[in-house]
All heavy atoms as atom14 arrays in JSON, in Angstrom:
{
  "sequence": "RQTVCGAGELLYQSSLEASTLRENVTSPGGTTAAALNVLMGG",
  "atom14_mask": [
    [1, 1, 1, 1, 1, 1, 1, 1, 1, 1, 1, 0, 0, 0],
    [1, 1, 1, 1, 1, 1, 1, 1, 1, 0, 0, 0, 0, 0],
    [1, 1, 1, 1, 1, 1, 1, 0, 0, 0, 0, 0, 0, 0],
    [1, 1, 1, 1, 1, 1, 1, 0, 0, 0, 0, 0, 0, 0],
    [1, 1, 1, 1, 1, 1, 0, 0, 0, 0, 0, 0, 0, 0],
    [1, 1, 1, 1, 0, 0, 0, 0, 0, 0, 0, 0, 0, 0],
    [1, 1, 1, 1, 1, 0, 0, 0, 0, 0, 0, 0, 0, 0],
    [1, 1, 1, 1, 0, 0, 0, 0, 0, 0, 0, 0, 0, 0],
    [1, 1, 1, 1, 1, 1, 1, 1, 1, 0, 0, 0, 0, 0],
    [1, 1, 1, 1, 1, 1, 1, 1, 0, 0, 0, 0, 0, 0],
    [1, 1, 1, 1, 1, 1, 1, 1, 0, 0, 0, 0, 0, 0],
    [1, 1, 1, 1, 1, 1, 1, 1, 1, 1, 1, 1, 0, 0],
    [1, 1, 1, 1, 1, 1, 1, 1, 1, 0, 0, 0, 0, 0],
    [1, 1, 1, 1, 1, 1, 0, 0, 0, 0, 0, 0, 0, 0],
    [1, 1, 1, 1, 1, 1, 0, 0, 0, 0, 0, 0, 0, 0],
    [1, 1, 1, 1, 1, 1, 1, 1, 0, 0, 0, 0, 0, 0],
    [1, 1, 1, 1, 1, 1, 1, 1, 1, 0, 0, 0, 0, 0],
    [1, 1, 1, 1, 1, 0, 0, 0, 0, 0, 0, 0, 0, 0],
    [1, 1, 1, 1, 1, 1, 0, 0, 0, 0, 0, 0, 0, 0],
    [1, 1, 1, 1, 1, 1, 1, 0, 0, 0, 0, 0, 0, 0],
    [1, 1, 1, 1, 1, 1, 1, 1, 0, 0, 0, 0, 0, 0],
    [1, 1, 1, 1, 1, 1, 1, 1, 1, 1, 1, 0, 0, 0],
    [1, 1, 1, 1, 1, 1, 1, 1, 1, 0, 0, 0, 0, 0],
    [1, 1, 1, 1, 1, 1, 1, 1, 0, 0, 0, 0, 0, 0],
    [1, 1, 1, 1, 1, 1, 1, 0, 0, 0, 0, 0, 0, 0],
    [1, 1, 1, 1, 1, 1, 1, 0, 0, 0, 0, 0, 0, 0],
    [1, 1, 1, 1, 1, 1, 0, 0, 0, 0, 0, 0, 0, 0],
    [1, 1, 1, 1, 1, 1, 1, 0, 0, 0, 0, 0, 0, 0],
    [1, 1, 1, 1, 0, 0, 0, 0, 0, 0, 0, 0, 0, 0],
    [1, 1, 1, 1, 0, 0, 0, 0, 0, 0, 0, 0, 0, 0],
    [1, 1, 1, 1, 1, 1, 1, 0, 0, 0, 0, 0, 0, 0],
    [1, 1, 1, 1, 1, 1, 1, 0, 0, 0, 0, 0, 0, 0],
    [1, 1, 1, 1, 1, 0, 0, 0, 0, 0, 0, 0, 0, 0],
    [1, 1, 1, 1, 1, 0, 0, 0, 0, 0, 0, 0, 0, 0],
    [1, 1, 1, 1, 1, 0, 0, 0, 0, 0, 0, 0, 0, 0],
    [1, 1, 1, 1, 1, 1, 1, 1, 0, 0, 0, 0, 0, 0],
    [1, 1, 1, 1, 1, 1, 1, 1, 0, 0, 0, 0, 0, 0],
    [1, 1, 1, 1, 1, 1, 1, 0, 0, 0, 0, 0, 0, 0],
    [1, 1, 1, 1, 1, 1, 1, 1, 0, 0, 0, 0, 0, 0],
    [1, 1, 1, 1, 1, 1, 1, 1, 0, 0, 0, 0, 0, 0],
    [1, 1, 1, 1, 0, 0, 0, 0, 0, 0, 0, 0, 0, 0],
    [1, 1, 1, 1, 0, 0, 0, 0, 0, 0, 0, 0, 0, 0]
  ],
  "atom14_positions": [
    [[0.82, -1.21, 0.0], [0.0, 0.0, 0.0], [0.86, 1.26, 0.0], [0.65, 2.18, -0.8], [-0.92, -0.02, 1.23], [-1.96, 1.1, 1.27], [-2.72, 1.09, 2.59], [-3.87, 1.97, 2.55], [-5.12, 1.59, 2.4], [-5.39, 0.29, 2.25], [-6.12, 2.45, 2.38], [0.0, 0.0, 0.0], [0.0, 0.0, 0.0], [0.0, 0.0, 0.0]],
    [[1.86, 1.29, 0.89], [2.67, 2.49, 0.99], [3.58, 2.67, -0.23], [3.87, 3.79, -0.64], [3.51, 2.47, 2.27], [4.21, 3.79, 2.57], [3.23, 4.95, 2.7], [2.12, 4.78, 3.21], [3.61, 6.12, 2.19], [0.0, 0.0, 0.0], [0.0, 0.0, 0.0], [0.0, 0.0, 0.0], [0.0, 0.0, 0.0], [0.0, 0.0, 0.0]],
    [[3.99, 1.57, -0.84], [4.81, 1.66, -2.06], [4.01, 2.28, -3.2], [4.49, 3.17, -3.91], [5.32, 0.27, -2.47], [6.19, -0.21, -1.43], [6.09, 0.33, -3.78], [0.0, 0.0, 0.0], [0.0, 0.0, 0.0], [0.0, 0.0, 0.0], [0.0, 0.0, 0.0], [0.0, 0.0, 0.0], [0.0, 0.0, 0.0], [0.0, 0.0, 0.0]],
    [[2.76, 1.82, -3.37], [1.91, 2.39, -4.42], [1.62, 3.86, -4.13], [1.7, 4.72, -5.02], [0.6, 1.58, -4.55], [-0.38, 2.28, -5.46], [0.9, 0.18, -5.08], [0.0, 0.0, 0.0], [0.0, 0.0, 0.0], [0.0, 0.0, 0.0], [0.0, 0.0, 0.0], [0.0, 0.0, 0.0], [0.0, 0.0, 0.0], [0.0, 0.0, 0.0]],
    [[1.29, 4.17, -2.88], [0.98, 5.57, -2.52], [2.22, 6.46, -2.7], [2.14, 7.56, -3.26], [0.51, 5.65, -1.08], [-1.1, 4.89, -0.77], [0.0, 0.0, 0.0], [0.0, 0.0, 0.0], [0.0, 0.0, 0.0], [0.0, 0.0, 0.0], [0.0, 0.0, 0.0], [0.0, 0.0, 0.0], [0.0, 0.0, 0.0], [0.0, 0.0, 0.0]],
    [[3.37, 5.99, -2.22], [4.58, 6.8, -2.3], [5.04, 7.01, -3.73], [5.44, 8.12, -4.11], [0.0, 0.0, 0.0], [0.0, 0.0, 0.0], [0.0, 0.0, 0.0], [0.0, 0.0, 0.0], [0.0, 0.0, 0.0], [0.0, 0.0, 0.0], [0.0, 0.0, 0.0], [0.0, 0.0, 0.0], [0.0, 0.0, 0.0], [0.0, 0.0, 0.0]],
    [[4.99, 5.95, -4.54], [5.39, 6.08, -5.94], [4.45, 7.02, -6.68], [4.88, 7.83, -7.52], [5.41, 4.71, -6.6], [0.0, 0.0, 0.0], [0.0, 0.0, 0.0], [0.0, 0.0, 0.0], [0.0, 0.0, 0.0], [0.0, 0.0, 0.0], [0.0, 0.0, 0.0], [0.0, 0.0, 0.0], [0.0, 0.0, 0.0], [0.0, 0.0, 0.0]],
    [[3.15, 6.92, -6.36], [2.19, 7.83, -6.99], [2.45, 9.28, -6.63], [2.37, 10.16, -7.48], [0.0, 0.0, 0.0], [0.0, 0.0, 0.0], [0.0, 0.0, 0.0], [0.0, 0.0, 0.0], [0.0, 0.0, 0.0], [0.0, 0.0, 0.0], [0.0, 0.0, 0.0], [0.0, 0.0, 0.0], [0.0, 0.0, 0.0], [0.0, 0.0, 0.0]],
    [[2.76, 9.53, -5.37], [3.04, 10.89, -4.94], [4.32, 11.43, -5.58], [4.38, 12.6, -5.99], [3.15, 10.95, -3.41], [3.3, 12.34, -2.84], [2.08, 13.22, -3.09], [0.97, 12.68, -3.28], [2.24, 14.46, -3.08], [0.0, 0.0, 0.0], [0.0, 0.0, 0.0], [0.0, 0.0, 0.0], [0.0, 0.0, 0.0], [0.0, 0.0, 0.0]],
    [[5.33, 10.58, -5.7], [6.56, 10.99, -6.37], [6.29, 11.33, -7.83], [6.78, 12.35, -8.35], [7.62, 9.89, -6.26], [8.96, 10.14, -6.97], [9.62, 11.41, -6.44], [9.88, 8.93, -6.79], [0.0, 0.0, 0.0], [0.0, 0.0, 0.0], [0.0, 0.0, 0.0], [0.0, 0.0, 0.0], [0.0, 0.0, 0.0], [0.0, 0.0, 0.0]],
    [[5.52, 10.51, -8.5], [5.15, 10.77, -9.89], [4.37, 12.07, -10.0], [4.56, 12.84, -10.94], [4.33, 9.6, -10.43], [3.92, 9.64, -11.91], [5.14, 9.64, -12.8], [3.02, 8.44, -12.23], [0.0, 0.0, 0.0], [0.0, 0.0, 0.0], [0.0, 0.0, 0.0], [0.0, 0.0, 0.0], [0.0, 0.0, 0.0], [0.0, 0.0, 0.0]],
    [[3.49, 12.32, -9.03], [2.68, 13.54, -9.03], [3.54, 14.79, -8.86], [3.34, 15.79, -9.55], [1.65, 13.46, -7.9], [0.75, 14.66, -7.78], [-0.29, 14.88, -8.68], [0.93, 15.59, -6.75], [-1.12, 15.98, -8.56], [0.1, 16.69, -6.62], [-0.92, 16.88, -7.53], [-1.73, 17.98, -7.41], [0.0, 0.0, 0.0], [0.0, 0.0, 0.0]],
    [[4.5, 14.72, -7.97], [5.3, 15.91, -7.66], [6.47, 16.13, -8.62], [6.95, 17.26, -8.76], [5.84, 15.82, -6.23], [4.77, 15.87, -5.16], [5.34, 16.04, -3.76], [6.45, 16.55, -3.58], [4.59, 15.61, -2.76], [0.0, 0.0, 0.0], [0.0, 0.0, 0.0], [0.0, 0.0, 0.0], [0.0, 0.0, 0.0], [0.0, 0.0, 0.0]],
    [[6.93, 15.08, -9.27], [8.11, 15.18, -10.12], [7.75, 15.7, -11.52], [6.67, 15.43, -12.04], [8.78, 13.82, -10.25], [9.89, 13.89, -11.12], [0.0, 0.0, 0.0], [0.0, 0.0, 0.0], [0.0, 0.0, 0.0], [0.0, 0.0, 0.0], [0.0, 0.0, 0.0], [0.0, 0.0, 0.0], [0.0, 0.0, 0.0], [0.0, 0.0, 0.0]],
    [[8.67, 16.42, -12.12], [8.51, 16.85, -13.51], [9.08, 15.83, -14.49], [8.98, 16.01, -15.7], [9.21, 18.2, -13.72], [10.6, 18.08, -13.45], [0.0, 0.0, 0.0], [0.0, 0.0, 0.0], [0.0, 0.0, 0.0], [0.0, 0.0, 0.0], [0.0, 0.0, 0.0], [0.0, 0.0, 0.0], [0.0, 0.0, 0.0], [0.0, 0.0, 0.0]],
    [[9.68, 14.77, -13.97], [10.29, 13.75, -14.82], [9.24, 12.81, -15.4], [8.18, 12.58, -14.8], [11.31, 12.94, -14.01], [12.49, 13.73, -13.42], [13.35, 12.81, -12.56], [13.33, 14.36, -14.53], [0.0, 0.0, 0.0], [0.0, 0.0, 0.0], [0.0, 0.0, 0.0], [0.0, 0.0, 0.0], [0.0, 0.0, 0.0], [0.0, 0.0, 0.0]],
    [[9.56, 12.25, -16.57], [8.69, 11.25, -17.17], [8.68, 9.99, -16.31], [9.64, 9.7, -15.59], [9.17, 10.91, -18.58], [9.13, 12.05, -19.57], [7.71, 12.43, -19.94], [6.81, 11.56, -19.87], [7.49, 13.61, -20.3], [0.0, 0.0, 0.0], [0.0, 0.0, 0.0], [0.0, 0.0, 0.0], [0.0, 0.0, 0.0], [0.0, 0.0, 0.0]],
    [[7.59, 9.22, -16.41], [7.5, 7.97, -15.67], [8.66, 7.04, -16.03], [9.21, 6.35, -15.16], [6.16, 7.29, -15.94], [0.0, 0.0, 0.0], [0.0, 0.0, 0.0], [0.0, 0.0, 0.0], [0.0, 0.0, 0.0], [0.0, 0.0, 0.0], [0.0, 0.0, 0.0], [0.0, 0.0, 0.0], [0.0, 0.0, 0.0], [0.0, 0.0, 0.0]],
    [[9.02, 7.01, -17.3], [10.13, 6.14, -17.72], [11.44, 6.53, -17.05], [12.24, 5.67, -16.67], [10.28, 6.19, -19.24], [10.53, 7.52, -19.68], [0.0, 0.0, 0.0], [0.0, 0.0, 0.0], [0.0, 0.0, 0.0], [0.0, 0.0, 0.0], [0.0, 0.0, 0.0], [0.0, 0.0, 0.0], [0.0, 0.0, 0.0], [0.0, 0.0, 0.0]],
    [[11.66, 7.84, -16.87], [12.89, 8.31, -16.21], [12.89, 7.93, -14.73], [13.91, 7.5, -14.18], [13.04, 9.83, -16.37], [13.07, 10.16, -17.76], [14.33, 10.33, -15.71], [0.0, 0.0, 0.0], [0.0, 0.0, 0.0], [0.0, 0.0, 0.0], [0.0, 0.0, 0.0], [0.0, 0.0, 0.0], [0.0, 0.0, 0.0], [0.0, 0.0, 0.0]],
    [[11.74, 8.09, -14.08], [11.65, 7.7, -12.67], [11.91, 6.2, -12.52], [12.56, 5.77, -11.56], [10.28, 8.07, -12.13], [9.99, 9.57, -11.99], [8.54, 9.81, -11.62], [10.91, 10.22, -10.96], [0.0, 0.0, 0.0], [0.0, 0.0, 0.0], [0.0, 0.0, 0.0], [0.0, 0.0, 0.0], [0.0, 0.0, 0.0], [0.0, 0.0, 0.0]],
    [[11.38, 5.42, -13.46], [11.63, 3.98, -13.42], [13.13, 3.69, -13.55], [13.7, 2.89, -12.78], [10.87, 3.27, -14.54], [11.28, 1.81, -14.75], [10.51, 1.13, -15.86], [10.56, 1.84, -17.12], [11.61, 1.85, -17.96], [12.73, 1.2, -17.64], [11.54, 2.5, -19.11], [0.0, 0.0, 0.0], [0.0, 0.0, 0.0], [0.0, 0.0, 0.0]],
    [[13.76, 4.35, -14.52], [15.2, 4.13, -14.74], [16.02, 4.55, -13.52], [17.05, 3.92, -13.22], [15.64, 4.91, -15.97], [15.08, 4.35, -17.27], [15.22, 5.32, -18.44], [15.73, 6.44, -18.24], [14.79, 4.94, -19.56], [0.0, 0.0, 0.0], [0.0, 0.0, 0.0], [0.0, 0.0, 0.0], [0.0, 0.0, 0.0], [0.0, 0.0, 0.0]],
    [[15.56, 5.58, -12.81], [16.3, 6.05, -11.65], [16.3, 5.03, -10.51], [17.17, 5.07, -9.64], [15.71, 7.37, -11.14], [16.0, 8.54, -12.07], [16.84, 8.45, -12.96], [15.29, 9.64, -11.87], [0.0, 0.0, 0.0], [0.0, 0.0, 0.0], [0.0, 0.0, 0.0], [0.0, 0.0, 0.0], [0.0, 0.0, 0.0], [0.0, 0.0, 0.0]],
    [[15.31, 4.14, -10.5], [15.23, 3.11, -9.46], [16.0, 1.86, -9.86], [16.3, 1.01, -9.02], [13.74, 2.73, -9.2], [13.62, 1.73, -8.07], [12.91, 3.96, -8.89], [0.0, 0.0, 0.0], [0.0, 0.0, 0.0], [0.0, 0.0, 0.0], [0.0, 0.0, 0.0], [0.0, 0.0, 0.0], [0.0, 0.0, 0.0], [0.0, 0.0, 0.0]],
    [[16.34, 1.73, -11.14], [16.83, 0.48, -11.7], [18.34, 0.51, -11.9], [18.86, 1.19, -12.81], [16.14, 0.2, -13.05], [14.73, 0.32, -12.89], [16.48, -1.21, -13.53], [0.0, 0.0, 0.0], [0.0, 0.0, 0.0], [0.0, 0.0, 0.0], [0.0, 0.0, 0.0], [0.0, 0.0, 0.0], [0.0, 0.0, 0.0], [0.0, 0.0, 0.0]],
    [[19.05, -0.21, -11.06], [20.5, -0.37, -11.23], [20.77, -1.54, -12.16], [20.12, -2.59, -12.03], [21.17, -0.63, -9.88], [20.93, 0.43, -8.98], [0.0, 0.0, 0.0], [0.0, 0.0, 0.0], [0.0, 0.0, 0.0], [0.0, 0.0, 0.0], [0.0, 0.0, 0.0], [0.0, 0.0, 0.0], [0.0, 0.0, 0.0], [0.0, 0.0, 0.0]],
    [[21.69, -1.4, -13.11], [22.0, -2.51, -14.02], [22.39, -3.77, -13.25], [23.24, -3.74, -12.36], [23.18, -1.96, -14.83], [23.04, -0.47, -14.75], [22.48, -0.2, -13.39], [0.0, 0.0, 0.0], [0.0, 0.0, 0.0], [0.0, 0.0, 0.0], [0.0, 0.0, 0.0], [0.0, 0.0, 0.0], [0.0, 0.0, 0.0], [0.0, 0.0, 0.0]],
    [[21.74, -4.85, -13.58], [22.06, -6.12, -12.94], [21.54, -6.26, -11.53], [21.83, -7.27, -10.86], [0.0, 0.0, 0.0], [0.0, 0.0, 0.0], [0.0, 0.0, 0.0], [0.0, 0.0, 0.0], [0.0, 0.0, 0.0], [0.0, 0.0, 0.0], [0.0, 0.0, 0.0], [0.0, 0.0, 0.0], [0.0, 0.0, 0.0], [0.0, 0.0, 0.0]],
    [[20.73, -5.31, -11.06], [20.25, -5.35, -9.69], [18.91, -6.04, -9.54], [18.36, -6.64, -10.48], [0.0, 0.0, 0.0], [0.0, 0.0, 0.0], [0.0, 0.0, 0.0], [0.0, 0.0, 0.0], [0.0, 0.0, 0.0], [0.0, 0.0, 0.0], [0.0, 0.0, 0.0], [0.0, 0.0, 0.0], [0.0, 0.0, 0.0], [0.0, 0.0, 0.0]],
    [[18.33, -5.91, -8.34], [17.07, -6.6, -8.04], [15.91, -6.04, -8.85], [15.05, -6.8, -9.32], [16.75, -6.48, -6.54], [16.66, -5.09, -6.19], [17.85, -7.13, -5.69], [0.0, 0.0, 0.0], [0.0, 0.0, 0.0], [0.0, 0.0, 0.0], [0.0, 0.0, 0.0], [0.0, 0.0, 0.0], [0.0, 0.0, 0.0], [0.0, 0.0, 0.0]],
    [[15.86, -4.71, -9.0], [14.77, -4.1, -9.76], [14.83, -4.52, -11.22], [13.81, -4.82, -11.85], [14.82, -2.57, -9.64], [14.84, -2.21, -8.26], [13.61, -1.93, -10.31], [0.0, 0.0, 0.0], [0.0, 0.0, 0.0], [0.0, 0.0, 0.0], [0.0, 0.0, 0.0], [0.0, 0.0, 0.0], [0.0, 0.0, 0.0], [0.0, 0.0, 0.0]],
    [[16.05, -4.57, -11.75], [16.22, -4.99, -13.14], [15.73, -6.42, -13.33], [15.11, -6.75, -14.36], [17.68, -4.86, -13.55], [0.0, 0.0, 0.0], [0.0, 0.0, 0.0], [0.0, 0.0, 0.0], [0.0, 0.0, 0.0], [0.0, 0.0, 0.0], [0.0, 0.0, 0.0], [0.0, 0.0, 0.0], [0.0, 0.0, 0.0], [0.0, 0.0, 0.0]],
    [[15.99, -7.28, -12.35], [15.54, -8.67, -12.45], [14.01, -8.74, -12.51], [13.44, -9.51, -13.29], [16.06, -9.47, -11.26], [0.0, 0.0, 0.0], [0.0, 0.0, 0.0], [0.0, 0.0, 0.0], [0.0, 0.0, 0.0], [0.0, 0.0, 0.0], [0.0, 0.0, 0.0], [0.0, 0.0, 0.0], [0.0, 0.0, 0.0], [0.0, 0.0, 0.0]],
    [[13.35, -7.93, -11.69], [11.9, -7.91, -11.7], [11.35, -7.32, -13.0], [10.39, -7.84, -13.58], [11.38, -7.12, -10.5], [0.0, 0.0, 0.0], [0.0, 0.0, 0.0], [0.0, 0.0, 0.0], [0.0, 0.0, 0.0], [0.0, 0.0, 0.0], [0.0, 0.0, 0.0], [0.0, 0.0, 0.0], [0.0, 0.0, 0.0], [0.0, 0.0, 0.0]],
    [[11.98, -6.25, -13.48], [11.5, -5.6, -14.7], [11.7, -6.48, -15.93], [10.97, -6.34, -16.92], [12.19, -4.25, -14.89], [11.75, -3.15, -13.9], [12.57, -1.89, -14.11], [10.25, -2.84, -14.06], [0.0, 0.0, 0.0], [0.0, 0.0, 0.0], [0.0, 0.0, 0.0], [0.0, 0.0, 0.0], [0.0, 0.0, 0.0], [0.0, 0.0, 0.0]],
    [[12.68, -7.38, -15.88], [12.85, -8.31, -17.0], [11.6, -9.16, -17.18], [11.26, -9.57, -18.29], [14.07, -9.22, -16.76], [15.38, -8.51, -17.01], [15.42, -7.5, -17.71], [16.45, -9.03, -16.42], [0.0, 0.0, 0.0], [0.0, 0.0, 0.0], [0.0, 0.0, 0.0], [0.0, 0.0, 0.0], [0.0, 0.0, 0.0], [0.0, 0.0, 0.0]],
    [[10.89, -9.41, -16.07], [9.63, -10.14, -16.14], [8.49, -9.22, -16.57], [7.74, -9.52, -17.5], [9.31, -10.79, -14.77], [7.95, -11.49, -14.83], [10.41, -11.76, -14.37], [0.0, 0.0, 0.0], [0.0, 0.0, 0.0], [0.0, 0.0, 0.0], [0.0, 0.0, 0.0], [0.0, 0.0, 0.0], [0.0, 0.0, 0.0], [0.0, 0.0, 0.0]],
    [[8.38, -8.06, -15.9], [7.26, -7.15, -16.16], [7.32, -6.53, -17.54], [6.28, -6.16, -18.11], [7.23, -6.04, -15.11], [6.84, -6.45, -13.69], [7.01, -5.29, -12.73], [5.4, -6.97, -13.65], [0.0, 0.0, 0.0], [0.0, 0.0, 0.0], [0.0, 0.0, 0.0], [0.0, 0.0, 0.0], [0.0, 0.0, 0.0], [0.0, 0.0, 0.0]],
    [[8.51, -6.38, -18.1], [8.67, -5.73, -19.4], [8.99, -6.72, -20.51], [9.42, -6.34, -21.6], [9.74, -4.65, -19.32], [9.42, -3.55, -18.32], [10.72, -2.3, -18.13], [10.6, -1.46, -19.73], [0.0, 0.0, 0.0], [0.0, 0.0, 0.0], [0.0, 0.0, 0.0], [0.0, 0.0, 0.0], [0.0, 0.0, 0.0], [0.0, 0.0, 0.0]],
    [[8.76, -8.01, -20.24], [8.99, -9.03, -21.25], [7.96, -8.99, -22.36], [7.05, -8.14, -22.37], [0.0, 0.0, 0.0], [0.0, 0.0, 0.0], [0.0, 0.0, 0.0], [0.0, 0.0, 0.0], [0.0, 0.0, 0.0], [0.0, 0.0, 0.0], [0.0, 0.0, 0.0], [0.0, 0.0, 0.0], [0.0, 0.0, 0.0], [0.0, 0.0, 0.0]],
    [[8.06, -9.92, -23.29], [7.18, -9.92, -24.45], [5.7, -9.91, -24.13], [4.91, -9.28, -24.82], [0.0, 0.0, 0.0], [0.0, 0.0, 0.0], [0.0, 0.0, 0.0], [0.0, 0.0, 0.0], [0.0, 0.0, 0.0], [0.0, 0.0, 0.0], [0.0, 0.0, 0.0], [0.0, 0.0, 0.0], [0.0, 0.0, 0.0], [0.0, 0.0, 0.0]]
  ]
}
């Protein structure tokens, strides 16, 4: 719940595109990248 609320608030307040905010959380070869490989697959 707090992750969805917090991410939404960050998206609301930031002038950055959603794709940029996503990239800012994603370290190459890290845990987020592993999850996004599933979510952004074919």
